[in-house]
């Protein structure tokens, strides 16, 4: 069983990214084209469907291509 976010959270995250892509008026194929080789069609599909096997670099590329950024996580001092 994969570790990390529960399946439901991956699905919600992917669905939100899909909404943002559509809001920008981009198709999945256009995301691949404008990525300059950073994303492949399978990656875009996997990200939007909340698959576990998508690398963080691919998620970051997807988010940045849409003009958004992920905020850094701050950990409390130990």
N, C-alpha and C. Protein backbone atom coordinates (compact mmCIF):
# COMPACT_ATOMS: atom_id res chain seq x y z
N UNK A 1 0.84 -1.18 0.00
CA UNK A 1 0.00 0.00 0.00
C UNK A 1 0.88 1.24 0.00
N UNK A 2 0.66 2.18 -0.90
CA UNK A 2 1.45 3.39 -0.94
C UNK A 2 1.26 4.23 0.31
N UNK A 3 2.29 4.96 0.66
CA UNK A 3 2.19 5.85 1.81
C UNK A 3 1.93 7.26 1.33
N UNK A 4 1.63 8.16 2.24
CA UNK A 4 1.39 9.54 1.87
C UNK A 4 -0.08 9.88 1.98
N UNK A 5 -0.54 10.75 1.12
CA UNK A 5 -1.93 11.18 1.15
C UNK A 5 -2.86 10.02 0.87
N UNK A 6 -4.00 10.00 1.54
CA UNK A 6 -5.00 8.97 1.23
C UNK A 6 -5.49 9.15 -0.21
N UNK A 7 -5.99 8.07 -0.77
CA UNK A 7 -6.47 8.09 -2.15
C UNK A 7 -7.45 9.24 -2.38
N UNK A 8 -8.35 9.45 -1.42
CA UNK A 8 -9.35 10.51 -1.56
C UNK A 8 -8.68 11.89 -1.73
N UNK A 9 -7.60 12.13 -1.01
CA UNK A 9 -6.90 13.41 -1.10
C UNK A 9 -6.21 13.57 -2.45
N UNK A 10 -5.62 12.50 -2.97
CA UNK A 10 -5.02 12.55 -4.30
C UNK A 10 -6.07 12.86 -5.36
N UNK A 11 -7.23 12.24 -5.23
CA UNK A 11 -8.30 12.45 -6.20
C UNK A 11 -8.79 13.89 -6.15
N UNK A 12 -8.96 14.43 -4.94
CA UNK A 12 -9.39 15.83 -4.80
C UNK A 12 -8.36 16.79 -5.39
N UNK A 13 -7.09 16.52 -5.11
CA UNK A 13 -6.02 17.36 -5.62
C UNK A 13 -6.00 17.34 -7.15
N UNK A 14 -6.09 16.15 -7.73
CA UNK A 14 -6.09 16.02 -9.18
C UNK A 14 -7.30 16.69 -9.81
N UNK A 15 -8.45 16.55 -9.17
CA UNK A 15 -9.67 17.18 -9.68
C UNK A 15 -9.53 18.70 -9.66
N UNK A 16 -8.90 19.22 -8.61
CA UNK A 16 -8.71 20.67 -8.53
C UNK A 16 -7.77 21.15 -9.64
N UNK A 17 -6.70 20.41 -9.88
CA UNK A 17 -5.79 20.78 -10.96
C UNK A 17 -6.51 20.74 -12.31
N UNK A 18 -7.37 19.76 -12.52
CA UNK A 18 -8.14 19.67 -13.76
C UNK A 18 -9.02 20.91 -13.90
N UNK A 19 -9.69 21.31 -12.82
CA UNK A 19 -10.53 22.52 -12.85
C UNK A 19 -9.72 23.75 -13.24
N UNK A 20 -8.53 23.88 -12.66
CA UNK A 20 -7.68 25.04 -12.96
C UNK A 20 -7.23 25.03 -14.42
N UNK A 21 -6.91 23.84 -14.95
CA UNK A 21 -6.50 23.74 -16.36
C UNK A 21 -7.64 24.16 -17.27
N UNK A 22 -8.83 23.66 -16.98
CA UNK A 22 -9.99 23.99 -17.81
C UNK A 22 -10.30 25.48 -17.70
N UNK A 23 -10.17 26.03 -16.51
CA UNK A 23 -10.40 27.47 -16.32
C UNK A 23 -9.45 28.30 -17.18
N UNK A 24 -8.23 27.81 -17.36
CA UNK A 24 -7.25 28.49 -18.21
C UNK A 24 -7.51 28.24 -19.69
N UNK A 25 -8.47 27.37 -20.00
CA UNK A 25 -8.82 27.10 -21.39
C UNK A 25 -7.85 26.18 -22.10
N UNK A 26 -7.17 25.33 -21.34
CA UNK A 26 -6.17 24.43 -21.91
C UNK A 26 -6.67 22.99 -21.94
N UNK A 27 -6.36 22.29 -23.01
CA UNK A 27 -6.64 20.86 -23.08
C UNK A 27 -5.45 20.12 -22.47
N UNK A 28 -5.63 18.84 -22.23
CA UNK A 28 -4.52 18.03 -21.72
C UNK A 28 -3.37 18.03 -22.72
N UNK A 29 -3.68 17.93 -24.00
CA UNK A 29 -2.65 17.93 -25.04
C UNK A 29 -1.89 19.25 -25.05
N UNK A 30 -2.59 20.35 -24.83
CA UNK A 30 -1.91 21.65 -24.79
C UNK A 30 -0.98 21.75 -23.60
N UNK A 31 -1.37 21.15 -22.47
CA UNK A 31 -0.48 21.13 -21.30
C UNK A 31 0.83 20.41 -21.64
N UNK A 32 0.70 19.30 -22.35
CA UNK A 32 1.89 18.55 -22.76
C UNK A 32 2.74 19.41 -23.70
N UNK A 33 2.11 20.05 -24.66
CA UNK A 33 2.84 20.87 -25.64
C UNK A 33 3.60 22.02 -25.00
N UNK A 34 2.94 22.75 -24.10
CA UNK A 34 3.59 23.93 -23.51
C UNK A 34 4.58 23.57 -22.41
N UNK A 35 4.61 22.31 -22.01
CA UNK A 35 5.53 21.92 -20.94
C UNK A 35 6.97 21.81 -21.41
N UNK A 36 7.18 21.80 -22.71
CA UNK A 36 8.54 21.69 -23.22
C UNK A 36 9.21 20.38 -22.85
N UNK A 37 8.44 19.32 -22.78
CA UNK A 37 8.99 18.01 -22.48
C UNK A 37 8.96 17.63 -21.00
N UNK A 38 8.49 18.53 -20.14
CA UNK A 38 8.42 18.22 -18.71
C UNK A 38 7.29 17.27 -18.38
N UNK A 39 6.22 17.32 -19.17
CA UNK A 39 5.07 16.46 -18.93
C UNK A 39 4.77 15.63 -20.17
N UNK A 40 4.26 14.45 -19.94
CA UNK A 40 3.77 13.59 -21.01
C UNK A 40 2.28 13.40 -20.79
N UNK A 41 1.58 12.97 -21.82
CA UNK A 41 0.14 12.81 -21.70
C UNK A 41 -0.22 11.89 -20.53
N UNK A 42 0.51 10.81 -20.38
CA UNK A 42 0.24 9.89 -19.27
C UNK A 42 0.39 10.56 -17.92
N UNK A 43 1.35 11.48 -17.81
CA UNK A 43 1.55 12.20 -16.55
C UNK A 43 0.39 13.12 -16.25
N UNK A 44 -0.07 13.85 -17.27
CA UNK A 44 -1.19 14.77 -17.09
C UNK A 44 -2.43 13.98 -16.66
N UNK A 45 -2.68 12.87 -17.32
CA UNK A 45 -3.83 12.03 -16.98
C UNK A 45 -3.70 11.50 -15.56
N UNK A 46 -2.51 11.01 -15.20
CA UNK A 46 -2.29 10.46 -13.86
C UNK A 46 -2.46 11.53 -12.79
N UNK A 47 -1.94 12.72 -13.02
CA UNK A 47 -2.07 13.81 -12.06
C UNK A 47 -3.55 14.13 -11.85
N UNK A 48 -4.28 14.28 -12.93
CA UNK A 48 -5.68 14.66 -12.83
C UNK A 48 -6.56 13.56 -12.25
N UNK A 49 -6.10 12.32 -12.33
CA UNK A 49 -6.87 11.21 -11.78
C UNK A 49 -6.41 10.79 -10.39
N UNK A 50 -5.45 11.53 -9.82
CA UNK A 50 -5.01 11.25 -8.46
C UNK A 50 -4.21 9.98 -8.30
N UNK A 51 -3.40 9.63 -9.29
CA UNK A 51 -2.60 8.41 -9.21
C UNK A 51 -1.41 8.60 -8.28
N UNK A 52 -0.97 7.54 -7.67
CA UNK A 52 0.15 7.60 -6.73
C UNK A 52 1.51 7.72 -7.39
N UNK A 53 1.64 7.23 -8.60
CA UNK A 53 2.96 7.09 -9.20
C UNK A 53 3.47 8.34 -9.91
N UNK A 54 2.86 9.49 -9.65
CA UNK A 54 3.29 10.72 -10.29
C UNK A 54 4.34 11.38 -9.39
N UNK A 55 5.46 11.76 -9.99
CA UNK A 55 6.53 12.39 -9.24
C UNK A 55 6.21 13.83 -8.87
N UNK A 56 6.81 14.29 -7.79
CA UNK A 56 6.59 15.67 -7.34
C UNK A 56 7.03 16.67 -8.39
N UNK A 57 8.10 16.37 -9.12
CA UNK A 57 8.57 17.31 -10.15
C UNK A 57 7.50 17.49 -11.24
N UNK A 58 6.77 16.42 -11.55
CA UNK A 58 5.70 16.53 -12.54
C UNK A 58 4.53 17.34 -12.01
N UNK A 59 4.19 17.15 -10.76
CA UNK A 59 3.11 17.94 -10.15
C UNK A 59 3.50 19.41 -10.13
N UNK A 60 4.73 19.72 -9.73
CA UNK A 60 5.19 21.11 -9.70
C UNK A 60 5.18 21.73 -11.09
N UNK A 61 5.61 20.98 -12.10
CA UNK A 61 5.60 21.49 -13.48
C UNK A 61 4.18 21.80 -13.90
N UNK A 62 3.25 20.91 -13.60
CA UNK A 62 1.84 21.10 -13.96
C UNK A 62 1.31 22.38 -13.33
N UNK A 63 1.54 22.53 -12.04
CA UNK A 63 1.05 23.71 -11.30
C UNK A 63 1.66 25.00 -11.85
N UNK A 64 2.95 24.99 -12.10
CA UNK A 64 3.63 26.18 -12.60
C UNK A 64 3.16 26.56 -14.01
N UNK A 65 2.90 25.57 -14.85
CA UNK A 65 2.41 25.85 -16.21
C UNK A 65 1.05 26.55 -16.18
N UNK A 66 0.30 26.30 -15.12
CA UNK A 66 -0.99 26.96 -14.98
C UNK A 66 -0.86 28.35 -14.36
N UNK A 67 0.37 28.70 -13.97
CA UNK A 67 0.59 30.03 -13.40
C UNK A 67 0.38 30.09 -11.90
N UNK A 68 0.40 28.96 -11.24
CA UNK A 68 0.21 28.89 -9.80
C UNK A 68 1.50 28.42 -9.15
N UNK A 69 1.53 28.45 -7.83
CA UNK A 69 2.67 27.91 -7.12
C UNK A 69 2.17 27.17 -5.89
N UNK A 70 2.97 26.24 -5.45
CA UNK A 70 2.68 25.54 -4.20
C UNK A 70 3.45 26.26 -3.10
N UNK A 71 2.77 26.55 -2.03
CA UNK A 71 3.42 27.22 -0.92
C UNK A 71 4.31 26.24 -0.17
N UNK A 72 5.44 26.72 0.33
CA UNK A 72 6.31 25.83 1.09
C UNK A 72 5.64 25.40 2.40
N UNK A 73 5.99 24.23 2.83
CA UNK A 73 5.49 23.72 4.11
C UNK A 73 6.47 24.14 5.19
N UNK A 74 5.96 24.77 6.21
CA UNK A 74 6.81 25.16 7.33
C UNK A 74 6.59 24.21 8.47
N UNK A 75 7.68 23.68 8.98
CA UNK A 75 7.61 22.76 10.09
C UNK A 75 7.91 23.49 11.39
N UNK A 76 7.22 23.15 12.46
CA UNK A 76 7.51 23.79 13.74
C UNK A 76 8.89 23.36 14.23
N UNK A 77 9.54 24.22 15.01
CA UNK A 77 10.86 23.83 15.55
C UNK A 77 10.73 22.58 16.42
N UNK A 78 11.76 21.79 16.41
CA UNK A 78 11.75 20.56 17.22
C UNK A 78 12.51 20.75 18.50
